[in-house]
C-alpha atoms as a PDB file:
ATOM      1  CA  UNK A   1      19.637 -33.852 -38.180  1.00  0.00           C
ATOM      2  CA  UNK A   2      16.843 -32.868 -37.726  1.00  0.00           C
ATOM      3  CA  UNK A   3      15.323 -29.754 -36.087  1.00  0.00           C
ATOM      4  CA  UNK A   4      13.267 -29.859 -33.427  1.00  0.00           C
ATOM      5  CA  UNK A   5      10.078 -27.811 -33.583  1.00  0.00           C
ATOM      6  CA  UNK A   6      10.582 -25.899 -30.295  1.00  0.00           C
ATOM      7  CA  UNK A   7       6.578 -24.572 -29.328  1.00  0.00           C
ATOM      8  CA  UNK A   8       6.296 -20.959 -29.175  1.00  0.00           C
ATOM      9  CA  UNK A   9       5.277 -19.440 -25.532  1.00  0.00           C
ATOM     10  CA  UNK A  10       2.610 -17.215 -25.864  1.00  0.00           C
ATOM     11  CA  UNK A  11       2.719 -14.510 -24.401  1.00  0.00           C
ATOM     12  CA  UNK A  12       0.168 -12.396 -21.984  1.00  0.00           C
ATOM     13  CA  UNK A  13      -0.314  -9.339 -21.542  1.00  0.00           C
ATOM     14  CA  UNK A  14       0.855  -7.531 -18.011  1.00  0.00           C
ATOM     15  CA  UNK A  15      -0.518  -4.812 -16.001  1.00  0.00           C
ATOM     16  CA  UNK A  16      -0.494  -3.315 -12.367  1.00  0.00           C
ATOM     17  CA  UNK A  17      -2.835  -3.152  -9.594  1.00  0.00           C
ATOM     18  CA  UNK A  18      -2.853   0.998  -8.870  1.00  0.00           C
ATOM     19  CA  UNK A  19      -4.492  -0.021  -5.580  1.00  0.00           C
ATOM     20  CA  UNK A  20      -2.198  -2.732  -4.375  1.00  0.00           C
ATOM     21  CA  UNK A  21       1.215  -2.164  -6.643  1.00  0.00           C
ATOM     22  CA  UNK A  22       1.418  -5.513  -7.490  1.00  0.00           C
ATOM     23  CA  UNK A  23       2.343  -7.240 -11.671  1.00  0.00           C
ATOM     24  CA  UNK A  24       0.104  -9.617 -13.261  1.00  0.00           C
ATOM     25  CA  UNK A  25      -1.627 -10.614 -15.547  1.00  0.00           C
ATOM     26  CA  UNK A  26      -4.345  -8.209 -17.383  1.00  0.00           C
ATOM     27  CA  UNK A  27      -6.948 -10.774 -17.178  1.00  0.00           C
ATOM     28  CA  UNK A  28      -6.938 -11.366 -14.291  1.00  0.00           C
ATOM     29  CA  UNK A  29      -7.436  -6.802 -12.839  1.00  0.00           C
ATOM     30  CA  UNK A  30     -10.728  -5.139 -13.899  1.00  0.00           C
ATOM     31  CA  UNK A  31      -9.410  -1.618 -16.047  1.00  0.00           C
ATOM     32  CA  UNK A  32     -11.237   1.266 -14.902  1.00  0.00           C
ATOM     33  CA  UNK A  33     -11.844   3.455 -18.316  1.00  0.00           C
ATOM     34  CA  UNK A  34     -11.781   7.580 -18.976  1.00  0.00           C
ATOM     35  CA  UNK A  35     -14.094   8.170 -20.563  1.00  0.00           C
ATOM     36  CA  UNK A  36     -15.086  11.721 -22.687  1.00  0.00           C
ATOM     37  CA  UNK A  37     -18.883  11.250 -20.303  1.00  0.00           C
ATOM     38  CA  UNK A  38     -16.769  10.140 -17.060  1.00  0.00           C
ATOM     39  CA  UNK A  39     -15.655   7.006 -15.894  1.00  0.00           C
ATOM     40  CA  UNK A  40     -16.753   3.469 -16.428  1.00  0.00           C
ATOM     41  CA  UNK A  41     -15.730  -0.088 -15.317  1.00  0.00           C
ATOM     42  CA  UNK A  42     -14.280  -1.745 -19.081  1.00  0.00           C
ATOM     43  CA  UNK A  43     -15.261  -5.003 -18.093  1.00  0.00           C
ATOM     44  CA  UNK A  44     -14.090  -6.958 -21.619  1.00  0.00           C
ATOM     45  CA  UNK A  45     -10.951  -4.838 -21.695  1.00  0.00           C
ATOM     46  CA  UNK A  46     -11.370  -2.445 -24.766  1.00  0.00           C
ATOM     47  CA  UNK A  47     -12.904   0.351 -24.778  1.00  0.00           C
ATOM     48  CA  UNK A  48     -11.751   3.653 -26.010  1.00  0.00           C
ATOM     49  CA  UNK A  49      -9.934   5.750 -23.184  1.00  0.00           C
ATOM     50  CA  UNK A  50      -7.475   5.895 -20.496  1.00  0.00           C
ATOM     51  CA  UNK A  51      -7.029   3.368 -18.442  1.00  0.00           C
ATOM     52  CA  UNK A  52      -5.750   2.062 -15.232  1.00  0.00           C
ATOM     53  CA  UNK A  53      -6.201  -1.705 -13.784  1.00  0.00           C
ATOM     54  CA  UNK A  54      -7.582  -2.952 -10.355  1.00  0.00           C
ATOM     55  CA  UNK A  55      -8.188  -6.304  -8.498  1.00  0.00           C
ATOM     56  CA  UNK A  56     -11.454  -7.804  -7.478  1.00  0.00           C
ATOM     57  CA  UNK A  57     -10.299  -6.706  -4.145  1.00  0.00           C
ATOM     58  CA  UNK A  58     -11.993  -4.008  -1.474  1.00  0.00           C
ATOM     59  CA  UNK A  59      -8.950  -3.286   0.282  1.00  0.00           C
ATOM     60  CA  UNK A  60      -7.343  -2.131  -3.481  1.00  0.00           C
ATOM     61  CA  UNK A  61     -10.544   0.338  -4.819  1.00  0.00           C
ATOM     62  CA  UNK A  62     -10.596   1.503  -1.657  1.00  0.00           C
ATOM     63  CA  UNK A  63      -6.797   2.411  -2.055  1.00  0.00           C
ATOM     64  CA  UNK A  64      -7.705   3.375  -5.240  1.00  0.00           C
ATOM     65  CA  UNK A  65     -10.059   6.148  -4.523  1.00  0.00           C
ATOM     66  CA  UNK A  66      -8.711   7.547  -1.835  1.00  0.00           C
ATOM     67  CA  UNK A  67      -5.692   8.672  -4.944  1.00  0.00           C
ATOM     68  CA  UNK A  68      -3.624   6.550  -6.829  1.00  0.00           C
ATOM     69  CA  UNK A  69      -6.597   5.832  -9.656  1.00  0.00           C
ATOM     70  CA  UNK A  70      -7.590   9.489 -10.136  1.00  0.00           C
ATOM     71  CA  UNK A  71      -3.637   9.751 -10.446  1.00  0.00           C
ATOM     72  CA  UNK A  72      -2.936   6.762 -13.070  1.00  0.00           C
ATOM     73  CA  UNK A  73      -6.692   8.331 -15.564  1.00  0.00           C
ATOM     74  CA  UNK A  74      -5.401  11.999 -14.559  1.00  0.00           C
ATOM     75  CA  UNK A  75      -8.425  13.800 -14.050  1.00  0.00           C
ATOM     76  CA  UNK A  76     -10.585  14.918 -10.744  1.00  0.00           C
ATOM     77  CA  UNK A  77     -13.333  12.339  -9.729  1.00  0.00           C
ATOM     78  CA  UNK A  78     -16.056  13.984  -9.138  1.00  0.00           C
ATOM     79  CA  UNK A  79     -18.674  12.624  -6.570  1.00  0.00           C
ATOM     80  CA  UNK A  80     -20.937  10.454  -9.881  1.00  0.00           C
ATOM     81  CA  UNK A  81     -17.584   9.341 -10.436  1.00  0.00           C
ATOM     82  CA  UNK A  82     -17.000   8.292  -7.234  1.00  0.00           C
ATOM     83  CA  UNK A  83     -20.342   7.099  -6.520  1.00  0.00           C
ATOM     84  CA  UNK A  84     -19.883   4.881  -9.885  1.00  0.00           C
ATOM     85  CA  UNK A  85     -17.723   3.606  -8.534  1.00  0.00           C
ATOM     86  CA  UNK A  86     -18.092   2.975  -5.119  1.00  0.00           C
ATOM     87  CA  UNK A  87     -21.066   0.736  -6.180  1.00  0.00           C
ATOM     88  CA  UNK A  88     -19.242  -1.976  -8.767  1.00  0.00           C
ATOM     89  CA  UNK A  89     -16.142  -2.187  -5.448  1.00  0.00           C
ATOM     90  CA  UNK A  90     -19.151  -2.891  -3.113  1.00  0.00           C
ATOM     91  CA  UNK A  91     -20.466  -6.097  -5.577  1.00  0.00           C
ATOM     92  CA  UNK A  92     -16.868  -7.202  -5.431  1.00  0.00           C
ATOM     93  CA  UNK A  93     -16.839 -10.436  -2.573  1.00  0.00           C
ATOM     94  CA  UNK A  94     -15.694  -9.324   0.913  1.00  0.00           C
ATOM     95  CA  UNK A  95     -11.655 -10.573   1.459  1.00  0.00           C
ATOM     96  CA  UNK A  96     -10.473 -13.240   3.954  1.00  0.00           C
ATOM     97  CA  UNK A  97      -7.155 -13.218   6.840  1.00  0.00           C
ATOM     98  CA  UNK A  98      -5.437 -14.997   3.003  1.00  0.00           C
ATOM     99  CA  UNK A  99      -6.314 -12.149   1.198  1.00  0.00           C
ATOM    100  CA  UNK A 100      -4.957  -9.105   2.817  1.00  0.00           C
ATOM    101  CA  UNK A 101      -2.117 -11.067   3.495  1.00  0.00           C
ATOM    102  CA  UNK A 102      -0.896 -11.992  -0.480  1.00  0.00           C
ATOM    103  CA  UNK A 103      -1.388  -8.905  -1.457  1.00  0.00           C
ATOM    104  CA  UNK A 104       0.976  -6.957   1.117  1.00  0.00           C
END
């Protein structure tokens, strides 16, 4: 008898969006990093520093900026940090009603 070799299932890292608290694959979320220079958006997901994740939906960013993001990063967001994050949020596409129902 010959043994069948089973194909190994690749591990997909999971992260939680701090805006809507849903768990998704790490690559589908946007990482926000606390660095000594301030808060930065990390599109590569590899910068050094404490990170938190958000969907690419404006509703998640709005909820995150209300306090969940600051709590996850263990920092008080400065006005400059809020401006950087708000500018990034403005580049995100507007949501449709179907997107809003999917996140709830």
